[in-house]
Amino acid sequence: MNRSRKLIAPIVFLTLLTGCSTMDNNRPEAPSEPATPSASPEVEIRAAKARTQRVELEIAEVVPDRSSVRQQEKGALFPCGKRQRQWSGGTNVVTTDEPDMDAVVAAVEKAWSDRSGWTIDKREDTVGLATIDISTSDGEGYLISRGTEAKTVHIRSSSSCFAVPEIFSGGGTW
């Protein structure tokens, strides 16, 4: 009995160890060294924020029956790789009536389907309303969905990843 316990423990260990490994050779390799920032963190953050907010407004422009646009003034930074961050924010588009999310998704898809470098993913949210994600391969992305307030469409955004210095903590709102 004692001998079988001695055999079982290594077998269980090896099974657990190999169960966590992968045979997928198509995974992208992580860079050996993190990216080096090309400018100060503040400059990188402002540039990422400006681009992301500009695209938010481009998306808002195609929302049918829009009556006003309320862009968040500030966002937050999130890690997206070793010594990298993303700026994340959002915009609410107020519509004249309750938004027809099928029409919103169709309008966004039409506006972005011919743009090079963008991926479109249409789906339904947890209550069955149409939503759409548009994103780039470097992490820039926008989720367009029904807002939590009446007569709103919400655009959640995240910038492309950008390099920050090793000592950068990046907390707070930007």
N, C-alpha and C. Protein backbone atom coordinates (compact mmCIF):
# COMPACT_ATOMS: atom_id res chain seq x y z
N MET A 1 0.82 -1.19 0.00
CA MET A 1 0.00 0.00 0.00
C MET A 1 0.87 1.27 0.00
N ASN A 2 1.91 1.30 0.82
CA ASN A 2 2.80 2.45 0.90
C ASN A 2 3.52 2.66 -0.42
N ARG A 3 3.87 1.57 -1.09
CA ARG A 3 4.56 1.67 -2.38
C ARG A 3 3.65 2.30 -3.44
N SER A 4 2.37 1.96 -3.45
CA SER A 4 1.45 2.54 -4.43
C SER A 4 1.26 4.03 -4.21
N ARG A 5 1.30 4.48 -2.96
CA ARG A 5 1.20 5.91 -2.69
C ARG A 5 2.41 6.65 -3.25
N LYS A 6 3.57 6.03 -3.13
CA LYS A 6 4.78 6.65 -3.65
C LYS A 6 4.73 6.76 -5.17
N LEU A 7 4.05 5.85 -5.84
CA LEU A 7 3.92 5.91 -7.29
C LEU A 7 2.83 6.89 -7.73
N ILE A 8 1.78 6.98 -6.96
CA ILE A 8 0.65 7.83 -7.34
C ILE A 8 1.02 9.31 -7.29
N ALA A 9 1.73 9.73 -6.27
CA ALA A 9 2.08 11.15 -6.13
C ALA A 9 2.82 11.69 -7.35
N PRO A 10 3.90 11.02 -7.84
CA PRO A 10 4.57 11.54 -9.04
C PRO A 10 3.69 11.51 -10.29
N ILE A 11 2.83 10.50 -10.40
CA ILE A 11 1.94 10.42 -11.56
C ILE A 11 0.96 11.58 -11.55
N VAL A 12 0.38 11.86 -10.38
CA VAL A 12 -0.55 12.99 -10.27
C VAL A 12 0.17 14.30 -10.58
N PHE A 13 1.38 14.46 -10.06
CA PHE A 13 2.15 15.67 -10.31
C PHE A 13 2.43 15.85 -11.81
N LEU A 14 2.87 14.81 -12.47
CA LEU A 14 3.16 14.89 -13.91
C LEU A 14 1.90 15.15 -14.71
N THR A 15 0.78 14.55 -14.31
CA THR A 15 -0.48 14.78 -15.01
C THR A 15 -0.89 16.24 -14.90
N LEU A 16 -0.78 16.79 -13.69
CA LEU A 16 -1.12 18.20 -13.51
C LEU A 16 -0.17 19.10 -14.29
N LEU A 17 1.08 18.77 -14.28
CA LEU A 17 2.08 19.58 -14.98
C LEU A 17 1.84 19.58 -16.48
N THR A 18 1.61 18.43 -17.07
CA THR A 18 1.40 18.36 -18.52
C THR A 18 0.03 18.90 -18.90
N GLY A 19 -0.92 18.87 -18.00
CA GLY A 19 -2.24 19.42 -18.30
C GLY A 19 -2.21 20.92 -18.46
N CYS A 20 -1.23 21.57 -17.89
CA CYS A 20 -1.11 23.02 -17.99
C CYS A 20 -0.27 23.46 -19.18
N SER A 21 0.35 22.52 -19.85
CA SER A 21 1.16 22.89 -21.01
C SER A 21 0.31 22.94 -22.25
N THR A 22 0.88 23.46 -23.33
CA THR A 22 0.15 23.58 -24.58
C THR A 22 0.98 23.04 -25.73
N MET A 23 0.30 22.55 -26.72
CA MET A 23 0.97 22.07 -27.92
C MET A 23 0.81 23.07 -29.06
N ASP A 24 0.21 24.21 -28.77
CA ASP A 24 -0.07 25.20 -29.80
C ASP A 24 1.21 25.95 -30.16
N ASN A 25 1.74 25.65 -31.32
CA ASN A 25 2.96 26.32 -31.78
C ASN A 25 2.68 27.60 -32.53
N ASN A 26 1.40 27.99 -32.66
CA ASN A 26 1.04 29.19 -33.40
C ASN A 26 0.88 30.40 -32.50
N ARG A 27 1.11 30.24 -31.22
CA ARG A 27 0.99 31.38 -30.32
C ARG A 27 2.10 32.37 -30.60
N PRO A 28 1.78 33.67 -30.58
CA PRO A 28 2.86 34.65 -30.77
C PRO A 28 3.78 34.62 -29.56
N GLU A 29 5.05 34.75 -29.82
CA GLU A 29 6.02 34.77 -28.74
C GLU A 29 6.05 36.15 -28.11
N ALA A 30 6.16 36.17 -26.80
CA ALA A 30 6.28 37.44 -26.11
C ALA A 30 7.65 38.02 -26.41
N PRO A 31 7.72 39.33 -26.61
CA PRO A 31 9.02 39.92 -26.87
C PRO A 31 9.94 39.69 -25.68
N SER A 32 11.22 39.48 -25.96
CA SER A 32 12.17 39.21 -24.87
C SER A 32 12.37 40.45 -24.01
N GLU A 33 12.28 41.60 -24.59
CA GLU A 33 12.42 42.85 -23.86
C GLU A 33 11.17 43.69 -24.06
N PRO A 34 10.67 44.33 -23.00
CA PRO A 34 9.51 45.20 -23.17
C PRO A 34 9.84 46.39 -24.06
N ALA A 35 8.82 46.95 -24.66
CA ALA A 35 9.01 48.10 -25.53
C ALA A 35 9.57 49.27 -24.73
N THR A 36 10.33 50.10 -25.39
CA THR A 36 10.91 51.28 -24.78
C THR A 36 10.06 52.48 -25.17
N PRO A 37 9.68 53.32 -24.19
CA PRO A 37 8.87 54.48 -24.53
C PRO A 37 9.61 55.42 -25.46
N SER A 38 8.88 56.00 -26.41
CA SER A 38 9.50 56.93 -27.35
C SER A 38 9.37 58.38 -26.87
N ALA A 39 8.55 58.60 -25.86
CA ALA A 39 8.35 59.95 -25.30
C ALA A 39 8.05 59.79 -23.81
N SER A 40 7.86 60.91 -23.14
CA SER A 40 7.53 60.84 -21.71
C SER A 40 6.16 60.17 -21.55
N PRO A 41 5.90 59.56 -20.38
CA PRO A 41 4.60 58.92 -20.19
C PRO A 41 3.43 59.87 -20.41
N GLU A 42 3.58 61.11 -19.97
CA GLU A 42 2.49 62.08 -20.12
C GLU A 42 2.18 62.34 -21.59
N VAL A 43 3.23 62.45 -22.41
CA VAL A 43 3.04 62.67 -23.85
C VAL A 43 2.38 61.44 -24.48
N GLU A 44 2.85 60.25 -24.12
CA GLU A 44 2.26 59.01 -24.65
C GLU A 44 0.79 58.90 -24.25
N ILE A 45 0.48 59.20 -23.00
CA ILE A 45 -0.90 59.11 -22.51
C ILE A 45 -1.78 60.11 -23.25
N ARG A 46 -1.33 61.35 -23.36
CA ARG A 46 -2.14 62.37 -24.06
C ARG A 46 -2.39 61.98 -25.51
N ALA A 47 -1.38 61.43 -26.18
CA ALA A 47 -1.54 61.02 -27.58
C ALA A 47 -2.53 59.86 -27.71
N ALA A 48 -2.40 58.87 -26.83
CA ALA A 48 -3.32 57.72 -26.86
C ALA A 48 -4.75 58.16 -26.56
N LYS A 49 -4.89 59.03 -25.57
CA LYS A 49 -6.21 59.53 -25.20
C LYS A 49 -6.83 60.33 -26.35
N ALA A 50 -6.05 61.21 -26.96
CA ALA A 50 -6.58 62.04 -28.05
C ALA A 50 -7.05 61.19 -29.23
N ARG A 51 -6.25 60.22 -29.61
CA ARG A 51 -6.64 59.36 -30.73
C ARG A 51 -7.90 58.56 -30.38
N THR A 52 -7.93 57.99 -29.19
CA THR A 52 -9.06 57.17 -28.78
C THR A 52 -10.33 58.00 -28.71
N GLN A 53 -10.25 59.19 -28.15
CA GLN A 53 -11.43 60.05 -28.07
C GLN A 53 -11.88 60.53 -29.45
N ARG A 54 -10.93 60.73 -30.36
CA ARG A 54 -11.30 61.13 -31.73
C ARG A 54 -12.11 60.01 -32.39
N VAL A 55 -11.67 58.77 -32.22
CA VAL A 55 -12.40 57.65 -32.82
C VAL A 55 -13.76 57.48 -32.14
N GLU A 56 -13.84 57.70 -30.83
CA GLU A 56 -15.14 57.66 -30.15
C GLU A 56 -16.12 58.62 -30.83
N LEU A 57 -15.65 59.83 -31.13
CA LEU A 57 -16.52 60.82 -31.78
C LEU A 57 -16.88 60.41 -33.21
N GLU A 58 -15.95 59.77 -33.92
CA GLU A 58 -16.26 59.25 -35.26
C GLU A 58 -17.36 58.20 -35.18
N ILE A 59 -17.29 57.34 -34.19
CA ILE A 59 -18.34 56.33 -34.00
C ILE A 59 -19.66 57.01 -33.66
N ALA A 60 -19.61 57.98 -32.75
CA ALA A 60 -20.83 58.69 -32.34
C ALA A 60 -21.53 59.34 -33.52
N GLU A 61 -20.74 59.83 -34.48
CA GLU A 61 -21.31 60.50 -35.66
C GLU A 61 -22.21 59.60 -36.49
N VAL A 62 -21.98 58.29 -36.47
CA VAL A 62 -22.79 57.39 -37.31
C VAL A 62 -23.98 56.80 -36.57
N VAL A 63 -24.14 57.09 -35.28
CA VAL A 63 -25.28 56.56 -34.52
C VAL A 63 -26.56 57.23 -35.00
N PRO A 64 -27.55 56.42 -35.46
CA PRO A 64 -28.81 57.00 -35.94
C PRO A 64 -29.57 57.72 -34.82
N ASP A 65 -30.31 58.74 -35.18
CA ASP A 65 -31.18 59.49 -34.27
C ASP A 65 -30.44 60.10 -33.08
N ARG A 66 -29.20 60.48 -33.28
CA ARG A 66 -28.40 61.06 -32.21
C ARG A 66 -28.88 62.49 -31.96
N SER A 67 -29.02 62.85 -30.68
CA SER A 67 -29.39 64.23 -30.35
C SER A 67 -28.24 64.96 -29.66
N SER A 68 -27.39 64.24 -28.94
CA SER A 68 -26.21 64.86 -28.34
C SER A 68 -25.17 63.79 -28.01
N VAL A 69 -23.96 64.27 -27.76
CA VAL A 69 -22.85 63.37 -27.43
C VAL A 69 -22.19 63.88 -26.16
N ARG A 70 -22.00 62.98 -25.20
CA ARG A 70 -21.34 63.34 -23.94
C ARG A 70 -20.09 62.47 -23.79
N GLN A 71 -18.95 63.08 -24.06
CA GLN A 71 -17.69 62.34 -23.97
C GLN A 71 -17.11 62.50 -22.57
N GLN A 72 -16.68 61.39 -21.97
CA GLN A 72 -16.04 61.47 -20.66
C GLN A 72 -14.76 62.28 -20.79
N GLU A 73 -14.59 63.19 -19.85
CA GLU A 73 -13.41 64.05 -19.89
C GLU A 73 -12.14 63.29 -19.54
N LYS A 74 -12.26 62.36 -18.61
CA LYS A 74 -11.09 61.61 -18.15
C LYS A 74 -11.34 60.12 -18.27
N GLY A 75 -10.25 59.38 -18.30
CA GLY A 75 -10.31 57.92 -18.33
C GLY A 75 -9.29 57.37 -17.35
N ALA A 76 -8.99 56.10 -17.50
CA ALA A 76 -8.05 55.43 -16.61
C ALA A 76 -7.01 54.66 -17.42
N LEU A 77 -5.91 54.33 -16.77
CA LEU A 77 -4.86 53.53 -17.41
C LEU A 77 -4.93 52.10 -16.89
N PHE A 78 -4.74 51.16 -17.80
CA PHE A 78 -4.72 49.75 -17.44
C PHE A 78 -3.49 49.09 -18.04
N PRO A 79 -2.89 48.14 -17.33
CA PRO A 79 -1.76 47.40 -17.90
C PRO A 79 -2.21 46.55 -19.08
N CYS A 80 -1.36 46.43 -20.08
CA CYS A 80 -1.68 45.56 -21.22
C CYS A 80 -0.46 44.81 -21.70
N GLY A 81 0.57 44.77 -20.91
CA GLY A 81 1.80 44.07 -21.24
C GLY A 81 2.89 44.55 -20.29
N LYS A 82 4.04 43.93 -20.40
CA LYS A 82 5.14 44.32 -19.53
C LYS A 82 5.55 45.75 -19.87
N ARG A 83 5.45 46.62 -18.88
CA ARG A 83 5.76 48.05 -19.03
C ARG A 83 4.95 48.70 -20.15
N GLN A 84 3.69 48.31 -20.27
CA GLN A 84 2.79 48.91 -21.25
C GLN A 84 1.47 49.24 -20.57
N ARG A 85 0.81 50.27 -21.10
CA ARG A 85 -0.50 50.68 -20.59
C ARG A 85 -1.44 50.95 -21.76
N GLN A 86 -2.74 50.99 -21.43
CA GLN A 86 -3.80 51.42 -22.35
C GLN A 86 -4.58 52.50 -21.64
N TRP A 87 -5.00 53.50 -22.40
CA TRP A 87 -5.92 54.49 -21.86
C TRP A 87 -7.32 53.98 -22.17
N SER A 88 -8.22 54.05 -21.19
CA SER A 88 -9.59 53.57 -21.37
C SER A 88 -10.57 54.67 -20.99
N GLY A 89 -11.59 54.86 -21.82
CA GLY A 89 -12.58 55.90 -21.56
C GLY A 89 -13.93 55.53 -22.14
N GLY A 90 -14.74 56.53 -22.39
CA GLY A 90 -16.06 56.25 -22.93
C GLY A 90 -16.81 57.50 -23.33
N THR A 91 -17.84 57.27 -24.13
CA THR A 91 -18.71 58.33 -24.62
C THR A 91 -20.14 57.82 -24.62
N ASN A 92 -21.07 58.68 -24.21
CA ASN A 92 -22.49 58.36 -24.31
C ASN A 92 -23.10 59.17 -25.43
N VAL A 93 -23.85 58.49 -26.28
CA VAL A 93 -24.57 59.14 -27.36
C VAL A 93 -26.04 59.14 -26.96
N VAL A 94 -26.61 60.32 -26.79
CA VAL A 94 -28.03 60.44 -26.45
C VAL A 94 -28.82 60.43 -27.75
N THR A 95 -29.88 59.62 -27.79
CA THR A 95 -30.71 59.51 -28.99
C THR A 95 -32.09 60.11 -28.73
N THR A 96 -32.80 60.46 -29.80
CA THR A 96 -34.11 61.09 -29.65
C THR A 96 -35.14 60.14 -29.05
N ASP A 97 -35.04 58.86 -29.32
CA ASP A 97 -35.89 57.82 -28.74
C ASP A 97 -34.99 56.70 -28.24
N GLU A 98 -35.61 55.65 -27.70
CA GLU A 98 -34.80 54.50 -27.30
C GLU A 98 -34.05 54.00 -28.53
N PRO A 99 -32.75 53.76 -28.42
CA PRO A 99 -31.97 53.38 -29.60
C PRO A 99 -32.36 52.00 -30.14
N ASP A 100 -32.44 51.92 -31.46
CA ASP A 100 -32.62 50.64 -32.14
C ASP A 100 -31.22 50.07 -32.32
N MET A 101 -30.83 49.15 -31.46
CA MET A 101 -29.45 48.67 -31.47
C MET A 101 -29.10 47.92 -32.74
N ASP A 102 -30.08 47.29 -33.39
CA ASP A 102 -29.79 46.65 -34.68
C ASP A 102 -29.38 47.71 -35.71
N ALA A 103 -30.06 48.86 -35.69
CA ALA A 103 -29.72 49.95 -36.62
C ALA A 103 -28.37 50.57 -36.26
N VAL A 104 -28.10 50.70 -34.96
CA VAL A 104 -26.81 51.25 -34.52
C VAL A 104 -25.67 50.34 -34.98
N VAL A 105 -25.82 49.04 -34.74
CA VAL A 105 -24.78 48.08 -35.14
C VAL A 105 -24.59 48.10 -36.65
N ALA A 106 -25.68 48.16 -37.40
CA ALA A 106 -25.59 48.20 -38.87
C ALA A 106 -24.86 49.46 -39.33
N ALA A 107 -25.14 50.60 -38.70
CA ALA A 107 -24.50 51.86 -39.09
C ALA A 107 -22.99 51.84 -38.79
N VAL A 108 -22.63 51.33 -37.63
CA VAL A 108 -21.20 51.25 -37.27
C VAL A 108 -20.50 50.26 -38.18
N GLU A 109 -21.13 49.11 -38.42
CA GLU A 109 -20.52 48.12 -39.31
C GLU A 109 -20.29 48.69 -40.71
N LYS A 110 -21.28 49.41 -41.22
CA LYS A 110 -21.15 50.01 -42.55
C LYS A 110 -20.00 51.02 -42.59
N ALA A 111 -19.88 51.83 -41.55
CA ALA A 111 -18.83 52.86 -41.51
C ALA A 111 -17.43 52.27 -41.34
N TRP A 112 -17.31 51.11 -40.69
CA TRP A 112 -15.99 50.55 -40.39
C TRP A 112 -15.61 49.35 -41.25
N SER A 113 -16.52 48.79 -42.00
CA SER A 113 -16.22 47.55 -42.73
C SER A 113 -15.15 47.72 -43.80
N ASP A 114 -15.00 48.91 -44.35
CA ASP A 114 -13.99 49.12 -45.39
C ASP A 114 -12.67 49.69 -44.86
N ARG A 115 -12.58 49.91 -43.57
CA ARG A 115 -11.36 50.48 -43.00
C ARG A 115 -10.31 49.39 -42.80
N SER A 116 -9.16 49.63 -43.32
CA SER A 116 -8.06 48.68 -43.21
C SER A 116 -7.57 48.57 -41.76
N GLY A 117 -7.30 47.35 -41.33
CA GLY A 117 -6.73 47.13 -40.01
C GLY A 117 -7.73 46.96 -38.89
N TRP A 118 -9.02 47.05 -39.19
CA TRP A 118 -10.05 46.93 -38.16
C TRP A 118 -10.75 45.58 -38.26
N THR A 119 -11.06 45.02 -37.10
CA THR A 119 -11.83 43.78 -37.01
C THR A 119 -13.18 44.13 -36.40
N ILE A 120 -14.23 43.55 -36.95
CA ILE A 120 -15.59 43.81 -36.47
C ILE A 120 -16.15 42.52 -35.89
N ASP A 121 -16.74 42.61 -34.70
CA ASP A 121 -17.36 41.45 -34.07
C ASP A 121 -18.75 41.87 -33.58
N LYS A 122 -19.77 41.34 -34.24
CA LYS A 122 -21.15 41.62 -33.84
C LYS A 122 -21.62 40.49 -32.93
N ARG A 123 -22.37 40.86 -31.89
CA ARG A 123 -22.90 39.85 -30.98
C ARG A 123 -24.08 40.44 -30.23
N GLU A 124 -24.60 39.67 -29.29
CA GLU A 124 -25.70 40.15 -28.45
C GLU A 124 -25.21 40.25 -27.01
N ASP A 125 -25.76 41.23 -26.29
CA ASP A 125 -25.40 41.35 -24.88
C ASP A 125 -26.22 40.34 -24.07
N THR A 126 -26.14 40.42 -22.76
CA THR A 126 -26.79 39.43 -21.90
C THR A 126 -28.31 39.46 -21.96
N VAL A 127 -28.89 40.55 -22.43
CA VAL A 127 -30.35 40.61 -22.55
C VAL A 127 -30.81 40.49 -24.00
N GLY A 128 -29.90 40.16 -24.89
CA GLY A 128 -30.26 39.90 -26.28
C GLY A 128 -30.21 41.09 -27.21
N LEU A 129 -29.69 42.23 -26.75
CA LEU A 129 -29.58 43.41 -27.62
C LEU A 129 -28.29 43.33 -28.44
N ALA A 130 -28.36 43.80 -29.66
CA ALA A 130 -27.20 43.79 -30.55
C ALA A 130 -26.12 44.73 -30.00
N THR A 131 -24.87 44.28 -30.09
CA THR A 131 -23.70 45.10 -29.77
C THR A 131 -22.66 44.86 -30.85
N ILE A 132 -21.67 45.72 -30.90
CA ILE A 132 -20.60 45.54 -31.87
C ILE A 132 -19.28 45.97 -31.24
N ASP A 133 -18.25 45.17 -31.49
CA ASP A 133 -16.87 45.50 -31.10
C ASP A 133 -16.11 45.82 -32.36
N ILE A 134 -15.36 46.90 -32.35
CA ILE A 134 -14.42 47.15 -33.44
C ILE A 134 -13.05 47.29 -32.79
N SER A 135 -12.04 46.65 -33.38
CA SER A 135 -10.73 46.64 -32.74
C SER A 135 -9.62 46.50 -33.77
N THR A 136 -8.42 46.81 -33.30
CA THR A 136 -7.21 46.63 -34.11
C THR A 136 -6.35 45.56 -33.44
N SER A 137 -5.36 45.08 -34.15
CA SER A 137 -4.51 44.02 -33.62
C SER A 137 -3.61 44.48 -32.49
N ASP A 138 -3.43 45.79 -32.32
CA ASP A 138 -2.55 46.28 -31.25
C ASP A 138 -3.29 46.70 -29.99
N GLY A 139 -4.54 46.26 -29.85
CA GLY A 139 -5.26 46.48 -28.61
C GLY A 139 -6.26 47.61 -28.60
N GLU A 140 -6.25 48.47 -29.60
CA GLU A 140 -7.24 49.55 -29.65
C GLU A 140 -8.61 48.93 -29.89
N GLY A 141 -9.60 49.32 -29.08
CA GLY A 141 -10.91 48.70 -29.25
C GLY A 141 -12.04 49.56 -28.74
N TYR A 142 -13.22 49.30 -29.30
CA TYR A 142 -14.42 50.05 -28.96
C TYR A 142 -15.59 49.08 -28.89
N LEU A 143 -16.33 49.11 -27.78
CA LEU A 143 -17.54 48.32 -27.62
C LEU A 143 -18.71 49.28 -27.67
N ILE A 144 -19.61 49.06 -28.62
CA ILE A 144 -20.77 49.92 -28.77
C ILE A 144 -21.98 49.11 -28.34
N SER A 145 -22.67 49.61 -27.31
CA SER A 145 -23.79 48.87 -26.73
C SER A 145 -24.85 49.83 -26.22
N ARG A 146 -25.98 49.28 -25.83
CA ARG A 146 -27.07 50.07 -25.24
C ARG A 146 -26.55 50.65 -23.94
N GLY A 147 -26.78 51.94 -23.72
CA GLY A 147 -26.34 52.59 -22.49
C GLY A 147 -27.20 52.18 -21.30
N THR A 148 -26.74 52.48 -20.11
CA THR A 148 -27.50 52.16 -18.91
C THR A 148 -28.58 53.21 -18.63
N GLU A 149 -28.43 54.39 -19.17
CA GLU A 149 -29.46 55.43 -19.04
C GLU A 149 -30.42 55.32 -20.21
N ALA A 150 -31.63 55.82 -20.02
CA ALA A 150 -32.62 55.82 -21.11
C ALA A 150 -32.09 56.62 -22.29
N LYS A 151 -32.42 56.18 -23.48
CA LYS A 151 -32.10 56.88 -24.73
C LYS A 151 -30.60 57.11 -24.91
N THR A 152 -29.78 56.13 -24.57
CA THR A 152 -28.34 56.28 -24.76
C THR A 152 -27.71 55.05 -25.40
N VAL A 153 -26.67 55.32 -26.15
CA VAL A 153 -25.77 54.29 -26.67
C VAL A 153 -24.42 54.58 -26.03
N HIS A 154 -23.79 53.55 -25.50
CA HIS A 154 -22.51 53.74 -24.82
C HIS A 154 -21.38 53.21 -25.68
N ILE A 155 -20.32 53.99 -25.78
CA ILE A 155 -19.11 53.59 -26.50
C ILE A 155 -18.01 53.47 -25.45
N ARG A 156 -17.59 52.24 -25.17
CA ARG A 156 -16.47 52.00 -24.26
C ARG A 156 -15.22 51.85 -25.11
N SER A 157 -14.14 52.47 -24.67
CA SER A 157 -12.95 52.49 -25.53
C SER A 157 -11.68 52.12 -24.78
N SER A 158 -10.71 51.64 -25.54
CA SER A 158 -9.36 51.43 -25.01
C SER A 158 -8.38 51.73 -26.13
N SER A 159 -7.32 52.43 -25.77
CA SER A 159 -6.30 52.80 -26.76
C SER A 159 -5.43 51.60 -27.11
N SER A 160 -4.59 51.79 -28.11
CA SER A 160 -3.53 50.82 -28.37
C SER A 160 -2.60 50.82 -27.16
N CYS A 161 -1.88 49.73 -26.97
CA CYS A 161 -0.90 49.67 -25.89
C CYS A 161 0.28 50.59 -26.21
N PHE A 162 0.80 51.23 -25.20
CA PHE A 162 1.98 52.07 -25.39
C PHE A 162 2.96 51.82 -24.25
N ALA A 163 4.23 52.00 -24.55
CA ALA A 163 5.30 51.72 -23.59
C ALA A 163 5.40 52.82 -22.55
N VAL A 164 5.73 52.40 -21.33
CA VAL A 164 5.99 53.33 -20.23
C VAL A 164 7.30 52.91 -19.56
N PRO A 165 7.98 53.85 -18.88
CA PRO A 165 9.22 53.48 -18.20
C PRO A 165 8.96 52.45 -17.09
N GLU A 166 9.99 51.73 -16.73
CA GLU A 166 9.87 50.69 -15.71
C GLU A 166 9.38 51.26 -14.38
N ILE A 167 9.76 52.47 -14.04
CA ILE A 167 9.39 53.06 -12.75
C ILE A 167 8.02 53.71 -12.77
N PHE A 168 7.32 53.72 -13.89
CA PHE A 168 6.03 54.39 -14.02
C PHE A 168 4.94 53.58 -13.33
N SER A 169 4.20 54.22 -12.40
CA SER A 169 3.10 53.51 -11.73
C SER A 169 1.80 53.70 -12.49
N GLY A 170 1.56 54.90 -13.02
CA GLY A 170 0.42 55.14 -13.90
C GLY A 170 -0.94 55.12 -13.25
N GLY A 171 -1.05 55.42 -11.99
CA GLY A 171 -2.34 55.43 -11.34
C GLY A 171 -3.11 56.72 -11.60
N GLY A 172 -4.34 56.76 -11.13
CA GLY A 172 -5.16 57.95 -11.24
C GLY A 172 -5.91 58.06 -12.54
N THR A 173 -6.56 59.19 -12.71
CA THR A 173 -7.34 59.43 -13.93
C THR A 173 -6.57 60.36 -14.84
N TRP A 174 -6.81 60.20 -16.14
CA TRP A 174 -6.08 60.96 -17.15
C TRP A 174 -7.06 61.52 -18.16
